[in-house]
Amino acid sequence: MPTSTCFSVERVKTPIGPMLIVADDELRLRAVEWEDHEPRMHKLLRRYYGIDSIRLREVSRPSAAGRSLEAYFEGDSAPLAAQPVATNGTKFQHMVWSALRRIPFGQTITYGALAIQIGRPTATRAVGLANGANPVSIVVPCHRVIGANSSLTGYGGGLARKRWLLAHESAPAER
């Protein structure tokens, strides 16, 4: 088992704070995180890849992932659907993350409804845990999951960002 690995990191300015985009040499997303939550991202990367150290090399040119996220913030989510993602996780987490990618732009779903959708109606809490462990937010839109009473619950980037993302997606895109 390797003790360290190296990924590329790109820093993208967004309307709600700088974002880090971590990719492997095959340009697959490994993590998307807000810059002010970088320590959390390193912890998750170490946990998912079972290595002691993650080295990030800064990229100087915008990547396809960076351009996809910039398009999202300009109101076009289409490029995110084609963005390759490579994440480690359990079979259950991957099932939840796959279902998250199918939630349409501008729509939300409750944790309970998502559990039913994946065929695990009693796994609402497990769905919440998998949602919270998602390493590639926005691309895998965990922010679109809300509480049973339509309340905003948990988001790794903070509830203010979740509120902004949902409002952004409900507003008609200006072209």
N, C-alpha and C. Protein backbone atom coordinates (compact mmCIF):
# COMPACT_ATOMS: atom_id res chain seq x y z
N MET A 1 0.86 -1.18 0.00
CA MET A 1 0.00 0.00 0.00
C MET A 1 0.90 1.24 0.00
N PRO A 2 0.69 2.18 -0.94
CA PRO A 2 1.52 3.38 -0.98
C PRO A 2 1.29 4.25 0.25
N THR A 3 2.31 4.99 0.65
CA THR A 3 2.17 5.88 1.80
C THR A 3 1.85 7.30 1.37
N SER A 4 2.00 7.61 0.07
CA SER A 4 1.61 8.93 -0.41
C SER A 4 1.20 8.83 -1.87
N THR A 5 0.43 9.81 -2.29
CA THR A 5 0.03 9.89 -3.69
C THR A 5 -0.08 11.36 -4.06
N CYS A 6 -0.05 11.62 -5.35
CA CYS A 6 -0.10 13.00 -5.81
C CYS A 6 -1.27 13.18 -6.77
N PHE A 7 -2.04 14.21 -6.53
CA PHE A 7 -3.14 14.60 -7.39
C PHE A 7 -2.90 16.05 -7.80
N SER A 8 -3.57 16.48 -8.85
CA SER A 8 -3.51 17.89 -9.21
C SER A 8 -4.64 18.63 -8.50
N VAL A 9 -4.40 19.89 -8.20
CA VAL A 9 -5.43 20.72 -7.58
C VAL A 9 -5.53 22.03 -8.34
N GLU A 10 -6.75 22.43 -8.56
CA GLU A 10 -7.04 23.68 -9.25
C GLU A 10 -7.89 24.52 -8.31
N ARG A 11 -7.61 25.78 -8.27
CA ARG A 11 -8.38 26.70 -7.43
C ARG A 11 -9.26 27.54 -8.34
N VAL A 12 -10.57 27.49 -8.08
CA VAL A 12 -11.55 28.17 -8.91
C VAL A 12 -12.31 29.17 -8.04
N LYS A 13 -12.42 30.38 -8.52
CA LYS A 13 -13.21 31.39 -7.81
C LYS A 13 -14.67 31.18 -8.14
N THR A 14 -15.51 31.20 -7.10
CA THR A 14 -16.95 31.06 -7.28
C THR A 14 -17.63 32.21 -6.55
N PRO A 15 -18.90 32.45 -6.82
CA PRO A 15 -19.63 33.52 -6.11
C PRO A 15 -19.74 33.29 -4.60
N ILE A 16 -19.49 32.06 -4.15
CA ILE A 16 -19.64 31.77 -2.72
C ILE A 16 -18.34 31.27 -2.10
N GLY A 17 -17.24 31.65 -2.70
CA GLY A 17 -15.94 31.32 -2.13
C GLY A 17 -15.09 30.47 -3.05
N PRO A 18 -13.78 30.51 -2.83
CA PRO A 18 -12.87 29.72 -3.65
C PRO A 18 -13.09 28.22 -3.44
N MET A 19 -12.96 27.50 -4.53
CA MET A 19 -13.20 26.06 -4.52
C MET A 19 -11.94 25.34 -4.99
N LEU A 20 -11.70 24.16 -4.43
CA LEU A 20 -10.59 23.31 -4.82
C LEU A 20 -11.13 22.15 -5.64
N ILE A 21 -10.48 21.88 -6.76
CA ILE A 21 -10.85 20.77 -7.62
C ILE A 21 -9.65 19.85 -7.70
N VAL A 22 -9.81 18.63 -7.21
CA VAL A 22 -8.72 17.67 -7.17
C VAL A 22 -8.99 16.58 -8.21
N ALA A 23 -7.99 16.32 -9.05
CA ALA A 23 -8.13 15.32 -10.10
C ALA A 23 -6.90 14.44 -10.15
N ASP A 24 -7.08 13.26 -10.75
CA ASP A 24 -5.95 12.36 -10.94
C ASP A 24 -5.32 12.61 -12.31
N ASP A 25 -4.31 11.83 -12.64
CA ASP A 25 -3.61 12.02 -13.91
C ASP A 25 -4.48 11.71 -15.13
N GLU A 26 -5.60 11.01 -14.91
CA GLU A 26 -6.52 10.70 -16.00
C GLU A 26 -7.66 11.73 -16.07
N LEU A 27 -7.51 12.84 -15.31
CA LEU A 27 -8.45 13.96 -15.30
C LEU A 27 -9.82 13.60 -14.72
N ARG A 28 -9.86 12.54 -13.90
CA ARG A 28 -11.09 12.18 -13.20
C ARG A 28 -11.12 12.92 -11.87
N LEU A 29 -12.28 13.44 -11.53
CA LEU A 29 -12.42 14.15 -10.25
C LEU A 29 -12.26 13.19 -9.09
N ARG A 30 -11.48 13.61 -8.11
CA ARG A 30 -11.32 12.85 -6.87
C ARG A 30 -11.94 13.60 -5.70
N ALA A 31 -11.95 14.93 -5.78
CA ALA A 31 -12.55 15.74 -4.71
C ALA A 31 -12.88 17.12 -5.24
N VAL A 32 -13.94 17.68 -4.70
CA VAL A 32 -14.32 19.08 -4.93
C VAL A 32 -14.66 19.61 -3.55
N GLU A 33 -13.99 20.65 -3.14
CA GLU A 33 -14.20 21.15 -1.77
C GLU A 33 -14.00 22.65 -1.74
N TRP A 34 -14.62 23.28 -0.79
CA TRP A 34 -14.44 24.72 -0.57
C TRP A 34 -13.08 24.93 0.08
N GLU A 35 -12.39 25.95 -0.33
CA GLU A 35 -11.03 26.20 0.16
C GLU A 35 -10.98 26.32 1.68
N ASP A 36 -12.01 26.90 2.29
CA ASP A 36 -12.00 27.03 3.75
C ASP A 36 -12.26 25.70 4.47
N HIS A 37 -12.50 24.63 3.72
CA HIS A 37 -12.67 23.30 4.29
C HIS A 37 -11.58 22.35 3.80
N GLU A 38 -10.45 22.90 3.41
CA GLU A 38 -9.36 22.07 2.87
C GLU A 38 -8.90 20.98 3.82
N PRO A 39 -8.77 21.23 5.13
CA PRO A 39 -8.35 20.14 6.03
C PRO A 39 -9.32 18.95 6.00
N ARG A 40 -10.62 19.22 5.90
CA ARG A 40 -11.62 18.15 5.79
C ARG A 40 -11.37 17.33 4.52
N MET A 41 -11.07 18.02 3.44
CA MET A 41 -10.82 17.34 2.17
C MET A 41 -9.62 16.40 2.29
N HIS A 42 -8.53 16.88 2.91
CA HIS A 42 -7.34 16.03 3.07
C HIS A 42 -7.68 14.80 3.92
N LYS A 43 -8.46 15.00 4.97
CA LYS A 43 -8.85 13.88 5.83
C LYS A 43 -9.65 12.85 5.03
N LEU A 44 -10.62 13.31 4.24
CA LEU A 44 -11.42 12.39 3.44
C LEU A 44 -10.57 11.67 2.40
N LEU A 45 -9.66 12.37 1.75
CA LEU A 45 -8.79 11.74 0.75
C LEU A 45 -7.93 10.66 1.40
N ARG A 46 -7.37 10.96 2.58
CA ARG A 46 -6.56 9.94 3.27
C ARG A 46 -7.41 8.73 3.62
N ARG A 47 -8.62 8.97 4.10
CA ARG A 47 -9.50 7.87 4.49
C ARG A 47 -9.89 7.03 3.27
N TYR A 48 -10.27 7.68 2.17
CA TYR A 48 -10.73 6.95 0.99
C TYR A 48 -9.62 6.18 0.30
N TYR A 49 -8.42 6.70 0.32
CA TYR A 49 -7.35 6.05 -0.43
C TYR A 49 -6.37 5.30 0.46
N GLY A 50 -6.59 5.31 1.77
CA GLY A 50 -5.79 4.52 2.68
C GLY A 50 -4.31 4.84 2.64
N ILE A 51 -4.00 6.10 2.50
CA ILE A 51 -2.60 6.52 2.42
C ILE A 51 -2.33 7.58 3.48
N ASP A 52 -1.08 7.69 3.85
CA ASP A 52 -0.70 8.62 4.91
C ASP A 52 -0.65 10.07 4.44
N SER A 53 -0.29 10.27 3.20
CA SER A 53 -0.05 11.63 2.75
C SER A 53 -0.60 11.86 1.34
N ILE A 54 -1.29 12.97 1.18
CA ILE A 54 -1.78 13.39 -0.12
C ILE A 54 -0.99 14.62 -0.51
N ARG A 55 -0.32 14.54 -1.64
CA ARG A 55 0.38 15.73 -2.16
C ARG A 55 -0.44 16.28 -3.30
N LEU A 56 -0.62 17.59 -3.29
CA LEU A 56 -1.38 18.25 -4.34
C LEU A 56 -0.46 19.17 -5.12
N ARG A 57 -0.45 19.00 -6.44
CA ARG A 57 0.34 19.90 -7.28
C ARG A 57 -0.62 20.88 -7.96
N GLU A 58 -0.30 22.14 -7.85
CA GLU A 58 -1.14 23.18 -8.42
C GLU A 58 -1.07 23.13 -9.94
N VAL A 59 -2.20 23.32 -10.59
CA VAL A 59 -2.23 23.40 -12.05
C VAL A 59 -2.35 24.86 -12.45
N SER A 60 -1.76 25.19 -13.58
CA SER A 60 -1.76 26.58 -14.00
C SER A 60 -2.82 26.88 -15.06
N ARG A 61 -3.34 25.84 -15.71
CA ARG A 61 -4.35 26.06 -16.75
C ARG A 61 -5.69 25.52 -16.28
N PRO A 62 -6.77 26.15 -16.69
CA PRO A 62 -8.09 25.62 -16.32
C PRO A 62 -8.30 24.23 -16.93
N SER A 63 -8.83 23.34 -16.13
CA SER A 63 -9.11 21.97 -16.58
C SER A 63 -10.54 21.89 -17.09
N ALA A 64 -10.88 20.75 -17.68
CA ALA A 64 -12.25 20.52 -18.11
C ALA A 64 -13.19 20.57 -16.90
N ALA A 65 -12.75 20.00 -15.78
CA ALA A 65 -13.58 20.03 -14.57
C ALA A 65 -13.77 21.47 -14.10
N GLY A 66 -12.71 22.25 -14.13
CA GLY A 66 -12.81 23.66 -13.74
C GLY A 66 -13.77 24.42 -14.63
N ARG A 67 -13.67 24.17 -15.94
CA ARG A 67 -14.58 24.83 -16.89
C ARG A 67 -16.02 24.37 -16.67
N SER A 68 -16.22 23.09 -16.34
CA SER A 68 -17.57 22.58 -16.06
C SER A 68 -18.18 23.27 -14.84
N LEU A 69 -17.37 23.43 -13.80
CA LEU A 69 -17.88 24.10 -12.59
C LEU A 69 -18.12 25.58 -12.83
N GLU A 70 -17.26 26.21 -13.62
CA GLU A 70 -17.50 27.62 -13.96
C GLU A 70 -18.81 27.75 -14.74
N ALA A 71 -19.07 26.82 -15.67
CA ALA A 71 -20.33 26.83 -16.42
C ALA A 71 -21.52 26.67 -15.47
N TYR A 72 -21.38 25.78 -14.48
CA TYR A 72 -22.44 25.59 -13.50
C TYR A 72 -22.76 26.91 -12.80
N PHE A 73 -21.74 27.61 -12.36
CA PHE A 73 -21.98 28.87 -11.65
C PHE A 73 -22.53 29.95 -12.57
N GLU A 74 -22.41 29.76 -13.87
CA GLU A 74 -23.01 30.68 -14.84
C GLU A 74 -24.41 30.21 -15.24
N GLY A 75 -24.88 29.10 -14.66
CA GLY A 75 -26.24 28.64 -14.89
C GLY A 75 -26.39 27.45 -15.81
N ASP A 76 -25.29 26.86 -16.28
CA ASP A 76 -25.35 25.72 -17.20
C ASP A 76 -24.79 24.49 -16.50
N SER A 77 -25.65 23.57 -16.13
CA SER A 77 -25.19 22.37 -15.43
C SER A 77 -24.86 21.21 -16.37
N ALA A 78 -25.16 21.35 -17.65
CA ALA A 78 -24.96 20.25 -18.60
C ALA A 78 -23.54 19.68 -18.59
N PRO A 79 -22.49 20.51 -18.58
CA PRO A 79 -21.14 19.93 -18.60
C PRO A 79 -20.82 19.06 -17.38
N LEU A 80 -21.48 19.28 -16.25
CA LEU A 80 -21.20 18.47 -15.06
C LEU A 80 -21.64 17.02 -15.25
N ALA A 81 -22.70 16.80 -16.02
CA ALA A 81 -23.22 15.45 -16.21
C ALA A 81 -22.20 14.54 -16.87
N ALA A 82 -21.35 15.10 -17.71
CA ALA A 82 -20.36 14.30 -18.43
C ALA A 82 -19.01 14.23 -17.71
N GLN A 83 -18.89 14.92 -16.59
CA GLN A 83 -17.61 14.99 -15.89
C GLN A 83 -17.26 13.64 -15.27
N PRO A 84 -16.13 13.05 -15.67
CA PRO A 84 -15.73 11.77 -15.05
C PRO A 84 -15.34 11.94 -13.59
N VAL A 85 -15.78 11.01 -12.78
CA VAL A 85 -15.52 11.01 -11.34
C VAL A 85 -14.94 9.66 -10.97
N ALA A 86 -13.94 9.66 -10.12
CA ALA A 86 -13.37 8.41 -9.60
C ALA A 86 -13.22 8.56 -8.10
N THR A 87 -14.13 7.96 -7.38
CA THR A 87 -14.10 8.06 -5.93
C THR A 87 -14.09 6.68 -5.31
N ASN A 88 -13.38 6.56 -4.22
CA ASN A 88 -13.43 5.33 -3.44
C ASN A 88 -14.58 5.47 -2.45
N GLY A 89 -15.18 4.38 -2.13
CA GLY A 89 -16.27 4.36 -1.17
C GLY A 89 -16.87 2.97 -1.16
N THR A 90 -17.83 2.79 -0.30
CA THR A 90 -18.49 1.49 -0.22
C THR A 90 -19.48 1.33 -1.37
N LYS A 91 -19.95 0.11 -1.55
CA LYS A 91 -20.95 -0.15 -2.59
C LYS A 91 -22.20 0.70 -2.32
N PHE A 92 -22.60 0.80 -1.05
CA PHE A 92 -23.78 1.58 -0.69
C PHE A 92 -23.55 3.07 -1.00
N GLN A 93 -22.38 3.59 -0.63
CA GLN A 93 -22.09 5.00 -0.93
C GLN A 93 -22.17 5.25 -2.43
N HIS A 94 -21.60 4.37 -3.22
CA HIS A 94 -21.65 4.55 -4.67
C HIS A 94 -23.09 4.51 -5.20
N MET A 95 -23.92 3.68 -4.60
CA MET A 95 -25.33 3.62 -4.99
C MET A 95 -26.00 4.98 -4.71
N VAL A 96 -25.74 5.53 -3.53
CA VAL A 96 -26.31 6.83 -3.17
C VAL A 96 -25.75 7.92 -4.08
N TRP A 97 -24.44 7.93 -4.28
CA TRP A 97 -23.83 8.98 -5.10
C TRP A 97 -24.32 8.93 -6.54
N SER A 98 -24.55 7.73 -7.04
CA SER A 98 -25.09 7.58 -8.40
C SER A 98 -26.50 8.16 -8.46
N ALA A 99 -27.31 7.89 -7.45
CA ALA A 99 -28.67 8.43 -7.40
C ALA A 99 -28.64 9.95 -7.30
N LEU A 100 -27.68 10.50 -6.57
CA LEU A 100 -27.56 11.95 -6.45
C LEU A 100 -27.33 12.59 -7.82
N ARG A 101 -26.53 11.96 -8.64
CA ARG A 101 -26.24 12.51 -9.97
C ARG A 101 -27.47 12.53 -10.87
N ARG A 102 -28.49 11.77 -10.51
CA ARG A 102 -29.72 11.74 -11.32
C ARG A 102 -30.76 12.77 -10.86
N ILE A 103 -30.50 13.49 -9.77
CA ILE A 103 -31.43 14.52 -9.32
C ILE A 103 -31.29 15.70 -10.28
N PRO A 104 -32.37 16.07 -10.95
CA PRO A 104 -32.26 17.14 -11.94
C PRO A 104 -31.89 18.50 -11.32
N PHE A 105 -31.17 19.29 -12.09
CA PHE A 105 -30.83 20.66 -11.75
C PHE A 105 -32.12 21.38 -11.35
N GLY A 106 -32.08 22.09 -10.23
CA GLY A 106 -33.24 22.86 -9.80
C GLY A 106 -34.27 22.08 -9.01
N GLN A 107 -34.00 20.79 -8.74
CA GLN A 107 -34.95 19.99 -7.96
C GLN A 107 -34.27 19.49 -6.69
N THR A 108 -35.10 19.16 -5.71
CA THR A 108 -34.59 18.59 -4.46
C THR A 108 -35.32 17.29 -4.18
N ILE A 109 -34.78 16.53 -3.24
CA ILE A 109 -35.37 15.27 -2.81
C ILE A 109 -35.06 15.14 -1.31
N THR A 110 -35.91 14.45 -0.59
CA THR A 110 -35.65 14.23 0.83
C THR A 110 -34.77 12.98 0.99
N TYR A 111 -34.15 12.88 2.15
CA TYR A 111 -33.34 11.70 2.45
C TYR A 111 -34.19 10.44 2.36
N GLY A 112 -35.40 10.51 2.91
CA GLY A 112 -36.29 9.35 2.88
C GLY A 112 -36.68 8.96 1.46
N ALA A 113 -37.01 9.94 0.65
CA ALA A 113 -37.37 9.64 -0.75
C ALA A 113 -36.19 9.06 -1.51
N LEU A 114 -34.99 9.55 -1.20
CA LEU A 114 -33.80 9.01 -1.86
C LEU A 114 -33.57 7.56 -1.43
N ALA A 115 -33.81 7.26 -0.15
CA ALA A 115 -33.67 5.89 0.34
C ALA A 115 -34.66 4.97 -0.39
N ILE A 116 -35.88 5.43 -0.57
CA ILE A 116 -36.88 4.64 -1.31
C ILE A 116 -36.44 4.47 -2.75
N GLN A 117 -35.94 5.54 -3.36
CA GLN A 117 -35.53 5.50 -4.76
C GLN A 117 -34.44 4.45 -5.02
N ILE A 118 -33.54 4.27 -4.06
CA ILE A 118 -32.46 3.29 -4.26
C ILE A 118 -32.85 1.90 -3.77
N GLY A 119 -34.12 1.75 -3.37
CA GLY A 119 -34.59 0.44 -2.94
C GLY A 119 -34.24 0.07 -1.52
N ARG A 120 -33.92 1.07 -0.70
CA ARG A 120 -33.56 0.83 0.70
C ARG A 120 -34.39 1.74 1.60
N PRO A 121 -35.70 1.54 1.66
CA PRO A 121 -36.59 2.48 2.34
C PRO A 121 -36.34 2.69 3.82
N THR A 122 -35.66 1.76 4.47
CA THR A 122 -35.38 1.93 5.91
C THR A 122 -33.99 2.50 6.15
N ALA A 123 -33.30 2.88 5.10
CA ALA A 123 -31.90 3.33 5.23
C ALA A 123 -31.75 4.86 5.16
N THR A 124 -32.72 5.58 5.66
CA THR A 124 -32.67 7.04 5.58
C THR A 124 -31.41 7.60 6.23
N ARG A 125 -31.07 7.13 7.40
CA ARG A 125 -29.87 7.63 8.08
C ARG A 125 -28.60 7.26 7.33
N ALA A 126 -28.55 6.06 6.81
CA ALA A 126 -27.38 5.63 6.04
C ALA A 126 -27.24 6.46 4.77
N VAL A 127 -28.37 6.82 4.16
CA VAL A 127 -28.34 7.70 2.99
C VAL A 127 -27.76 9.05 3.40
N GLY A 128 -28.17 9.55 4.55
CA GLY A 128 -27.63 10.82 5.05
C GLY A 128 -26.13 10.75 5.27
N LEU A 129 -25.65 9.65 5.83
CA LEU A 129 -24.22 9.49 6.06
C LEU A 129 -23.44 9.40 4.74
N ALA A 130 -23.99 8.66 3.78
CA ALA A 130 -23.34 8.56 2.47
C ALA A 130 -23.33 9.91 1.78
N ASN A 131 -24.43 10.63 1.89
CA ASN A 131 -24.54 11.97 1.31
C ASN A 131 -23.46 12.88 1.90
N GLY A 132 -23.29 12.82 3.21
CA GLY A 132 -22.30 13.65 3.88
C GLY A 132 -20.86 13.25 3.59
N ALA A 133 -20.65 12.03 3.13
CA ALA A 133 -19.30 11.56 2.81
C ALA A 133 -18.94 11.79 1.35
N ASN A 134 -19.82 12.39 0.59
CA ASN A 134 -19.60 12.64 -0.83
C ASN A 134 -18.37 13.55 -1.01
N PRO A 135 -17.34 13.08 -1.71
CA PRO A 135 -16.13 13.90 -1.87
C PRO A 135 -16.16 14.87 -3.05
N VAL A 136 -17.19 14.81 -3.88
CA VAL A 136 -17.22 15.68 -5.07
C VAL A 136 -18.54 16.46 -5.13
N SER A 137 -18.69 17.36 -4.16
CA SER A 137 -19.93 18.12 -4.11
C SER A 137 -20.13 18.92 -5.39
N ILE A 138 -21.33 19.31 -5.60
CA ILE A 138 -21.85 19.99 -6.78
C ILE A 138 -21.88 19.05 -7.98
N VAL A 139 -20.77 18.41 -8.32
CA VAL A 139 -20.78 17.44 -9.43
C VAL A 139 -21.68 16.27 -9.05
N VAL A 140 -21.54 15.77 -7.85
CA VAL A 140 -22.47 14.82 -7.26
C VAL A 140 -23.27 15.68 -6.29
N PRO A 141 -24.46 16.13 -6.71
CA PRO A 141 -25.15 17.24 -6.03
C PRO A 141 -25.82 16.89 -4.71
N CYS A 142 -25.02 16.67 -3.71
CA CYS A 142 -25.53 16.33 -2.37
C CYS A 142 -26.33 17.48 -1.77
N HIS A 143 -26.10 18.70 -2.26
CA HIS A 143 -26.83 19.86 -1.74
C HIS A 143 -28.32 19.81 -2.10
N ARG A 144 -28.71 18.96 -3.02
CA ARG A 144 -30.11 18.86 -3.44
C ARG A 144 -30.95 17.97 -2.52
N VAL A 145 -30.34 17.42 -1.48
CA VAL A 145 -31.06 16.57 -0.54
C VAL A 145 -31.43 17.42 0.67
N ILE A 146 -32.72 17.35 1.03
CA ILE A 146 -33.24 18.18 2.12
C ILE A 146 -33.96 17.31 3.14
N GLY A 147 -34.29 17.91 4.28
CA GLY A 147 -34.99 17.20 5.33
C GLY A 147 -36.43 16.89 4.96
N ALA A 148 -37.04 15.97 5.71
CA ALA A 148 -38.42 15.53 5.45
C ALA A 148 -39.41 16.68 5.48
N ASN A 149 -39.14 17.69 6.29
CA ASN A 149 -40.05 18.84 6.40
C ASN A 149 -39.60 19.99 5.49
N SER A 150 -38.81 19.67 4.48
CA SER A 150 -38.26 20.63 3.51
C SER A 150 -37.22 21.56 4.11
N SER A 151 -36.73 21.22 5.30
CA SER A 151 -35.70 22.05 5.93
C SER A 151 -34.34 21.77 5.30
N LEU A 152 -33.47 22.77 5.37
CA LEU A 152 -32.11 22.59 4.90
C LEU A 152 -31.34 21.92 6.03
N THR A 153 -30.80 20.76 5.73
CA THR A 153 -30.02 20.04 6.73
C THR A 153 -28.64 19.80 6.16
N GLY A 154 -27.66 19.75 7.01
CA GLY A 154 -26.28 19.46 6.69
C GLY A 154 -25.79 19.69 5.28
N TYR A 155 -24.65 20.30 5.18
CA TYR A 155 -23.91 20.44 3.93
C TYR A 155 -22.48 20.75 4.34
N GLY A 156 -21.53 20.00 3.80
CA GLY A 156 -20.13 20.15 4.18
C GLY A 156 -19.59 21.56 4.01
N GLY A 157 -20.15 22.30 3.07
CA GLY A 157 -19.70 23.67 2.83
C GLY A 157 -20.44 24.70 3.66
N GLY A 158 -21.40 24.24 4.48
CA GLY A 158 -22.19 25.13 5.32
C GLY A 158 -23.57 25.38 4.73
N LEU A 159 -24.52 25.63 5.60
CA LEU A 159 -25.91 25.83 5.16
C LEU A 159 -26.08 27.08 4.32
N ALA A 160 -25.29 28.12 4.56
CA ALA A 160 -25.42 29.33 3.74
C ALA A 160 -25.08 29.01 2.28
N ARG A 161 -24.06 28.20 2.06
CA ARG A 161 -23.71 27.81 0.68
C ARG A 161 -24.80 26.91 0.09
N LYS A 162 -25.32 25.99 0.88
CA LYS A 162 -26.39 25.11 0.39
C LYS A 162 -27.58 25.96 -0.04
N ARG A 163 -27.95 26.93 0.77
CA ARG A 163 -29.07 27.82 0.46
C ARG A 163 -28.79 28.57 -0.85
N TRP A 164 -27.56 29.06 -1.00
CA TRP A 164 -27.20 29.80 -2.22
C TRP A 164 -27.29 28.87 -3.44
N LEU A 165 -26.73 27.66 -3.33
CA LEU A 165 -26.74 26.71 -4.45
C LEU A 165 -28.16 26.38 -4.88
N LEU A 166 -29.03 26.13 -3.93
CA LEU A 166 -30.42 25.81 -4.27
C LEU A 166 -31.12 27.01 -4.90
N ALA A 167 -30.87 28.20 -4.38
CA ALA A 167 -31.47 29.41 -4.98
C ALA A 167 -30.90 29.62 -6.40
N HIS A 168 -29.61 29.41 -6.56
CA HIS A 168 -28.97 29.55 -7.87
C HIS A 168 -29.61 28.61 -8.89
N GLU A 169 -29.89 27.39 -8.47
CA GLU A 169 -30.46 26.41 -9.38
C GLU A 169 -31.94 26.67 -9.67
N SER A 170 -32.62 27.36 -8.79
CA SER A 170 -34.05 27.62 -9.02
C SER A 170 -34.27 28.87 -9.85
N ALA A 171 -33.24 29.71 -9.96
CA ALA A 171 -33.37 30.93 -10.76
C ALA A 171 -33.15 30.60 -12.24
N PRO A 172 -33.93 31.22 -13.12
CA PRO A 172 -33.69 30.96 -14.54
C PRO A 172 -32.32 31.48 -14.95
N ALA A 173 -31.66 30.69 -15.76
CA ALA A 173 -30.31 31.06 -16.21
C ALA A 173 -30.39 32.23 -17.18
N GLU A 174 -29.53 33.20 -17.00
CA GLU A 174 -29.44 34.30 -17.93
C GLU A 174 -28.49 33.92 -19.05
N ARG A 175 -28.88 34.11 -20.25
CA ARG A 175 -28.05 33.74 -21.41
C ARG A 175 -27.67 34.98 -22.17
